[in-house]
Amino acid sequence: MWRDVAASEDVKDGRTLGIAVEGLDLVLWRSMTGRLAACDRRCPHQWADLETSGVVDGDELVCVSHFWRFDAEGRGTKLSAAGRRDEKAPIEVHEVQETEGRIQVRIR
């Protein structure tokens, strides 16, 4: 079921917005290229709040507590000091769409 959660203008490129909908705490974020995503608000590593501890870096949301990175599909990775990308736990993502200036999230 689709739920209206925010105005499109509330999530500008490179920004995050925490929301609560139907008992779920989520974070909306928009990549630097304008792609909108919705995922669990808590990082799966140590539960940091991704609204306040999440920073958009290109097409990924980075938890600045321990630098885990998540893409819009929920894949979790971390860059090593040598630049190697190591796989980490994924984060749950939710379908998101924009219609007539509003953001909607699909709740399963």
N, C-alpha and C. Protein backbone atom coordinates (compact mmCIF):
# COMPACT_ATOMS: atom_id res chain seq x y z
N MET A 1 0.83 -1.17 0.00
CA MET A 1 0.00 0.00 0.00
C MET A 1 0.89 1.25 0.00
N TRP A 2 0.63 2.17 -0.88
CA TRP A 2 1.39 3.41 -0.98
C TRP A 2 0.90 4.41 0.06
N ARG A 3 1.86 5.08 0.72
CA ARG A 3 1.55 6.09 1.75
C ARG A 3 2.25 7.40 1.38
N ASP A 4 1.50 8.48 1.41
CA ASP A 4 2.05 9.81 1.20
C ASP A 4 2.83 10.21 2.44
N VAL A 5 4.12 10.60 2.27
CA VAL A 5 4.95 10.84 3.45
C VAL A 5 5.61 12.22 3.50
N ALA A 6 5.79 12.88 2.36
CA ALA A 6 6.48 14.17 2.38
C ALA A 6 6.31 14.88 1.04
N ALA A 7 6.63 16.16 1.05
CA ALA A 7 6.69 16.93 -0.19
C ALA A 7 8.04 16.67 -0.86
N SER A 8 8.06 16.63 -2.17
CA SER A 8 9.31 16.41 -2.90
C SER A 8 10.37 17.44 -2.52
N GLU A 9 9.96 18.67 -2.31
CA GLU A 9 10.90 19.74 -1.97
C GLU A 9 11.55 19.55 -0.60
N ASP A 10 10.99 18.66 0.23
CA ASP A 10 11.56 18.41 1.56
C ASP A 10 12.82 17.56 1.52
N VAL A 11 13.08 16.91 0.37
CA VAL A 11 14.27 16.06 0.24
C VAL A 11 15.04 16.52 -0.99
N LYS A 12 15.89 17.50 -0.77
CA LYS A 12 16.71 18.05 -1.86
C LYS A 12 17.89 17.13 -2.15
N ASP A 13 18.51 17.29 -3.31
CA ASP A 13 19.67 16.49 -3.68
C ASP A 13 20.71 16.53 -2.57
N GLY A 14 21.21 15.36 -2.18
CA GLY A 14 22.24 15.26 -1.16
C GLY A 14 21.73 15.38 0.26
N ARG A 15 20.44 15.28 0.48
CA ARG A 15 19.85 15.47 1.81
C ARG A 15 19.12 14.22 2.29
N THR A 16 18.87 14.18 3.61
CA THR A 16 18.12 13.10 4.24
C THR A 16 16.92 13.69 4.99
N LEU A 17 15.92 12.86 5.20
CA LEU A 17 14.75 13.25 5.99
C LEU A 17 14.22 12.01 6.69
N GLY A 18 14.20 12.04 8.01
CA GLY A 18 13.63 10.94 8.79
C GLY A 18 12.12 11.05 8.83
N ILE A 19 11.46 9.90 8.68
CA ILE A 19 9.99 9.86 8.74
C ILE A 19 9.54 8.63 9.53
N ALA A 20 8.34 8.69 10.03
CA ALA A 20 7.70 7.53 10.67
C ALA A 20 6.40 7.28 9.92
N VAL A 21 6.20 6.03 9.52
CA VAL A 21 4.98 5.69 8.79
C VAL A 21 4.59 4.26 9.15
N GLU A 22 3.38 4.11 9.63
CA GLU A 22 2.83 2.80 9.99
C GLU A 22 3.77 1.99 10.88
N GLY A 23 4.33 2.63 11.90
CA GLY A 23 5.19 1.94 12.85
C GLY A 23 6.61 1.72 12.38
N LEU A 24 6.96 2.21 11.20
CA LEU A 24 8.32 2.07 10.68
C LEU A 24 9.05 3.40 10.76
N ASP A 25 10.30 3.36 11.20
CA ASP A 25 11.16 4.54 11.17
C ASP A 25 12.05 4.42 9.95
N LEU A 26 11.87 5.36 9.01
CA LEU A 26 12.58 5.33 7.74
C LEU A 26 13.36 6.62 7.54
N VAL A 27 14.27 6.58 6.61
CA VAL A 27 14.96 7.79 6.17
C VAL A 27 14.81 7.86 4.65
N LEU A 28 14.35 9.01 4.19
CA LEU A 28 14.33 9.31 2.78
C LEU A 28 15.64 10.01 2.46
N TRP A 29 16.22 9.72 1.33
CA TRP A 29 17.43 10.42 0.91
C TRP A 29 17.47 10.50 -0.61
N ARG A 30 18.15 11.55 -1.06
CA ARG A 30 18.25 11.78 -2.50
C ARG A 30 19.72 11.87 -2.88
N SER A 31 20.10 11.08 -3.87
CA SER A 31 21.49 11.09 -4.33
C SER A 31 21.83 12.45 -4.92
N MET A 32 23.11 12.67 -5.14
CA MET A 32 23.55 13.93 -5.73
C MET A 32 23.07 14.08 -7.17
N THR A 33 22.64 12.98 -7.79
CA THR A 33 22.09 13.04 -9.15
C THR A 33 20.57 13.06 -9.15
N GLY A 34 19.95 13.16 -7.96
CA GLY A 34 18.51 13.32 -7.87
C GLY A 34 17.71 12.06 -7.64
N ARG A 35 18.36 10.91 -7.52
CA ARG A 35 17.62 9.66 -7.30
C ARG A 35 17.12 9.60 -5.86
N LEU A 36 15.84 9.35 -5.69
CA LEU A 36 15.20 9.27 -4.38
C LEU A 36 15.22 7.84 -3.88
N ALA A 37 15.47 7.65 -2.58
CA ALA A 37 15.49 6.31 -1.98
C ALA A 37 14.87 6.39 -0.58
N ALA A 38 14.41 5.24 -0.10
CA ALA A 38 13.86 5.13 1.26
C ALA A 38 14.39 3.84 1.86
N CYS A 39 14.90 3.93 3.10
CA CYS A 39 15.43 2.75 3.77
C CYS A 39 15.18 2.86 5.27
N ASP A 40 15.50 1.78 5.98
CA ASP A 40 15.41 1.82 7.44
C ASP A 40 16.22 3.00 7.95
N ARG A 41 15.73 3.61 9.00
CA ARG A 41 16.41 4.80 9.54
C ARG A 41 17.64 4.44 10.36
N ARG A 42 17.75 3.20 10.81
CA ARG A 42 18.88 2.79 11.65
C ARG A 42 19.87 1.97 10.85
N CYS A 43 21.15 2.31 10.98
CA CYS A 43 22.22 1.55 10.34
C CYS A 43 22.24 0.15 10.95
N PRO A 44 22.37 -0.90 10.14
CA PRO A 44 22.37 -2.26 10.69
C PRO A 44 23.63 -2.60 11.50
N HIS A 45 24.64 -1.75 11.46
CA HIS A 45 25.87 -2.04 12.19
C HIS A 45 25.70 -1.80 13.69
N GLN A 46 25.47 -0.55 14.09
CA GLN A 46 25.28 -0.25 15.51
C GLN A 46 24.13 0.70 15.75
N TRP A 47 23.16 0.68 14.86
CA TRP A 47 21.89 1.39 15.00
C TRP A 47 21.99 2.91 15.01
N ALA A 48 23.02 3.48 14.41
CA ALA A 48 23.10 4.94 14.31
C ALA A 48 21.90 5.45 13.51
N ASP A 49 21.40 6.60 13.87
CA ASP A 49 20.27 7.23 13.20
C ASP A 49 20.76 7.85 11.89
N LEU A 50 20.30 7.33 10.77
CA LEU A 50 20.79 7.78 9.47
C LEU A 50 20.23 9.13 9.04
N GLU A 51 19.25 9.66 9.76
CA GLU A 51 18.85 11.04 9.46
C GLU A 51 19.93 12.01 9.95
N THR A 52 20.47 11.76 11.13
CA THR A 52 21.46 12.66 11.70
C THR A 52 22.90 12.20 11.47
N SER A 53 23.12 10.90 11.30
CA SER A 53 24.46 10.36 11.09
C SER A 53 24.68 9.88 9.66
N GLY A 54 23.73 10.15 8.79
CA GLY A 54 23.85 9.75 7.39
C GLY A 54 24.20 10.94 6.52
N VAL A 55 25.16 10.73 5.63
CA VAL A 55 25.60 11.77 4.70
C VAL A 55 25.56 11.18 3.30
N VAL A 56 24.97 11.90 2.38
CA VAL A 56 24.91 11.43 1.00
C VAL A 56 26.25 11.73 0.33
N ASP A 57 26.82 10.69 -0.28
CA ASP A 57 28.07 10.79 -1.03
C ASP A 57 27.82 10.22 -2.41
N GLY A 58 27.60 11.07 -3.38
CA GLY A 58 27.29 10.61 -4.74
C GLY A 58 25.97 9.89 -4.77
N ASP A 59 26.03 8.57 -5.05
CA ASP A 59 24.82 7.75 -5.12
C ASP A 59 24.68 6.82 -3.93
N GLU A 60 25.34 7.15 -2.82
CA GLU A 60 25.29 6.31 -1.62
C GLU A 60 24.99 7.14 -0.38
N LEU A 61 24.37 6.48 0.59
CA LEU A 61 24.15 7.05 1.91
C LEU A 61 25.23 6.46 2.82
N VAL A 62 26.02 7.32 3.45
CA VAL A 62 27.14 6.88 4.29
C VAL A 62 26.81 7.15 5.75
N CYS A 63 26.92 6.12 6.57
CA CYS A 63 26.78 6.29 8.02
C CYS A 63 28.13 6.77 8.55
N VAL A 64 28.18 7.99 9.04
CA VAL A 64 29.47 8.55 9.46
C VAL A 64 29.94 8.00 10.80
N SER A 65 29.13 7.20 11.48
CA SER A 65 29.59 6.58 12.72
C SER A 65 30.73 5.61 12.48
N HIS A 66 30.61 4.77 11.42
CA HIS A 66 31.66 3.79 11.11
C HIS A 66 31.89 3.65 9.60
N PHE A 67 31.32 4.55 8.85
CA PHE A 67 31.54 4.68 7.40
C PHE A 67 31.04 3.52 6.56
N TRP A 68 29.97 2.86 7.02
CA TRP A 68 29.29 1.91 6.15
C TRP A 68 28.54 2.72 5.11
N ARG A 69 28.45 2.17 3.89
CA ARG A 69 27.82 2.85 2.76
C ARG A 69 26.67 1.99 2.24
N PHE A 70 25.60 2.64 1.83
CA PHE A 70 24.43 1.92 1.31
C PHE A 70 23.99 2.56 0.00
N ASP A 71 23.68 1.71 -0.99
CA ASP A 71 23.14 2.25 -2.23
C ASP A 71 21.61 2.19 -2.17
N ALA A 72 20.97 2.67 -3.21
CA ALA A 72 19.51 2.75 -3.23
C ALA A 72 18.85 1.38 -3.24
N GLU A 73 19.60 0.32 -3.57
CA GLU A 73 19.07 -1.04 -3.54
C GLU A 73 19.30 -1.71 -2.19
N GLY A 74 20.00 -1.02 -1.28
CA GLY A 74 20.22 -1.55 0.06
C GLY A 74 21.53 -2.28 0.27
N ARG A 75 22.36 -2.40 -0.76
CA ARG A 75 23.65 -3.07 -0.60
C ARG A 75 24.54 -2.28 0.35
N GLY A 76 25.14 -2.99 1.30
CA GLY A 76 26.04 -2.36 2.26
C GLY A 76 27.49 -2.68 1.95
N THR A 77 28.34 -1.67 2.00
CA THR A 77 29.77 -1.85 1.77
C THR A 77 30.54 -0.89 2.67
N LYS A 78 31.86 -1.10 2.71
CA LYS A 78 32.75 -0.17 3.40
C LYS A 78 34.05 -0.12 2.61
N LEU A 79 34.57 1.08 2.42
CA LEU A 79 35.83 1.23 1.72
C LEU A 79 36.97 1.08 2.71
N SER A 80 37.95 0.24 2.35
CA SER A 80 39.14 0.09 3.20
C SER A 80 40.07 1.27 2.97
N ALA A 81 41.07 1.41 3.81
CA ALA A 81 42.05 2.49 3.65
C ALA A 81 42.76 2.39 2.31
N ALA A 82 42.86 1.18 1.77
CA ALA A 82 43.53 0.96 0.48
C ALA A 82 42.57 1.14 -0.71
N GLY A 83 41.29 1.45 -0.43
CA GLY A 83 40.32 1.65 -1.50
C GLY A 83 39.53 0.42 -1.89
N ARG A 84 39.78 -0.70 -1.20
CA ARG A 84 39.04 -1.94 -1.48
C ARG A 84 37.62 -1.77 -0.91
N ARG A 85 36.62 -2.25 -1.64
CA ARG A 85 35.23 -2.18 -1.19
C ARG A 85 34.84 -3.53 -0.61
N ASP A 86 34.62 -3.56 0.71
CA ASP A 86 34.24 -4.79 1.40
C ASP A 86 32.73 -4.83 1.60
N GLU A 87 32.15 -6.01 1.39
CA GLU A 87 30.72 -6.18 1.58
C GLU A 87 30.37 -6.15 3.06
N LYS A 88 29.28 -5.47 3.38
CA LYS A 88 28.75 -5.39 4.75
C LYS A 88 27.27 -5.77 4.70
N ALA A 89 26.63 -5.77 5.85
CA ALA A 89 25.22 -6.13 5.92
C ALA A 89 24.38 -5.15 5.10
N PRO A 90 23.34 -5.65 4.45
CA PRO A 90 22.45 -4.76 3.70
C PRO A 90 21.51 -4.02 4.65
N ILE A 91 20.84 -3.03 4.09
CA ILE A 91 19.81 -2.31 4.82
C ILE A 91 18.50 -2.51 4.08
N GLU A 92 17.40 -2.58 4.82
CA GLU A 92 16.10 -2.79 4.17
C GLU A 92 15.67 -1.52 3.47
N VAL A 93 15.29 -1.66 2.22
CA VAL A 93 14.81 -0.52 1.43
C VAL A 93 13.32 -0.69 1.15
N HIS A 94 12.68 0.42 0.85
CA HIS A 94 11.26 0.44 0.53
C HIS A 94 11.07 1.16 -0.80
N GLU A 95 10.11 0.68 -1.58
CA GLU A 95 9.83 1.34 -2.85
C GLU A 95 9.38 2.76 -2.58
N VAL A 96 9.81 3.66 -3.43
CA VAL A 96 9.48 5.07 -3.27
C VAL A 96 9.16 5.65 -4.65
N GLN A 97 8.24 6.60 -4.67
CA GLN A 97 7.89 7.26 -5.92
C GLN A 97 7.51 8.71 -5.65
N GLU A 98 7.60 9.51 -6.69
CA GLU A 98 7.18 10.91 -6.60
C GLU A 98 6.06 11.15 -7.59
N THR A 99 5.00 11.77 -7.11
CA THR A 99 3.85 12.07 -7.95
C THR A 99 3.33 13.45 -7.59
N GLU A 100 3.28 14.33 -8.57
CA GLU A 100 2.73 15.66 -8.40
C GLU A 100 3.30 16.39 -7.18
N GLY A 101 4.62 16.33 -7.04
CA GLY A 101 5.29 17.05 -5.97
C GLY A 101 5.22 16.41 -4.60
N ARG A 102 4.78 15.16 -4.53
CA ARG A 102 4.68 14.44 -3.27
C ARG A 102 5.49 13.16 -3.35
N ILE A 103 6.02 12.73 -2.20
CA ILE A 103 6.77 11.48 -2.09
C ILE A 103 5.87 10.45 -1.43
N GLN A 104 5.85 9.28 -2.03
CA GLN A 104 5.08 8.16 -1.49
C GLN A 104 6.00 6.96 -1.29
N VAL A 105 5.76 6.25 -0.19
CA VAL A 105 6.52 5.04 0.14
C VAL A 105 5.54 3.87 0.14
N ARG A 106 5.98 2.75 -0.44
CA ARG A 106 5.13 1.56 -0.44
C ARG A 106 5.43 0.73 0.81
N ILE A 107 4.40 0.52 1.60
CA ILE A 107 4.51 -0.26 2.84
C ILE A 107 3.96 -1.65 2.55
N ARG A 108 4.79 -2.66 2.82
CA ARG A 108 4.39 -4.05 2.55
C ARG A 108 3.60 -4.61 3.71
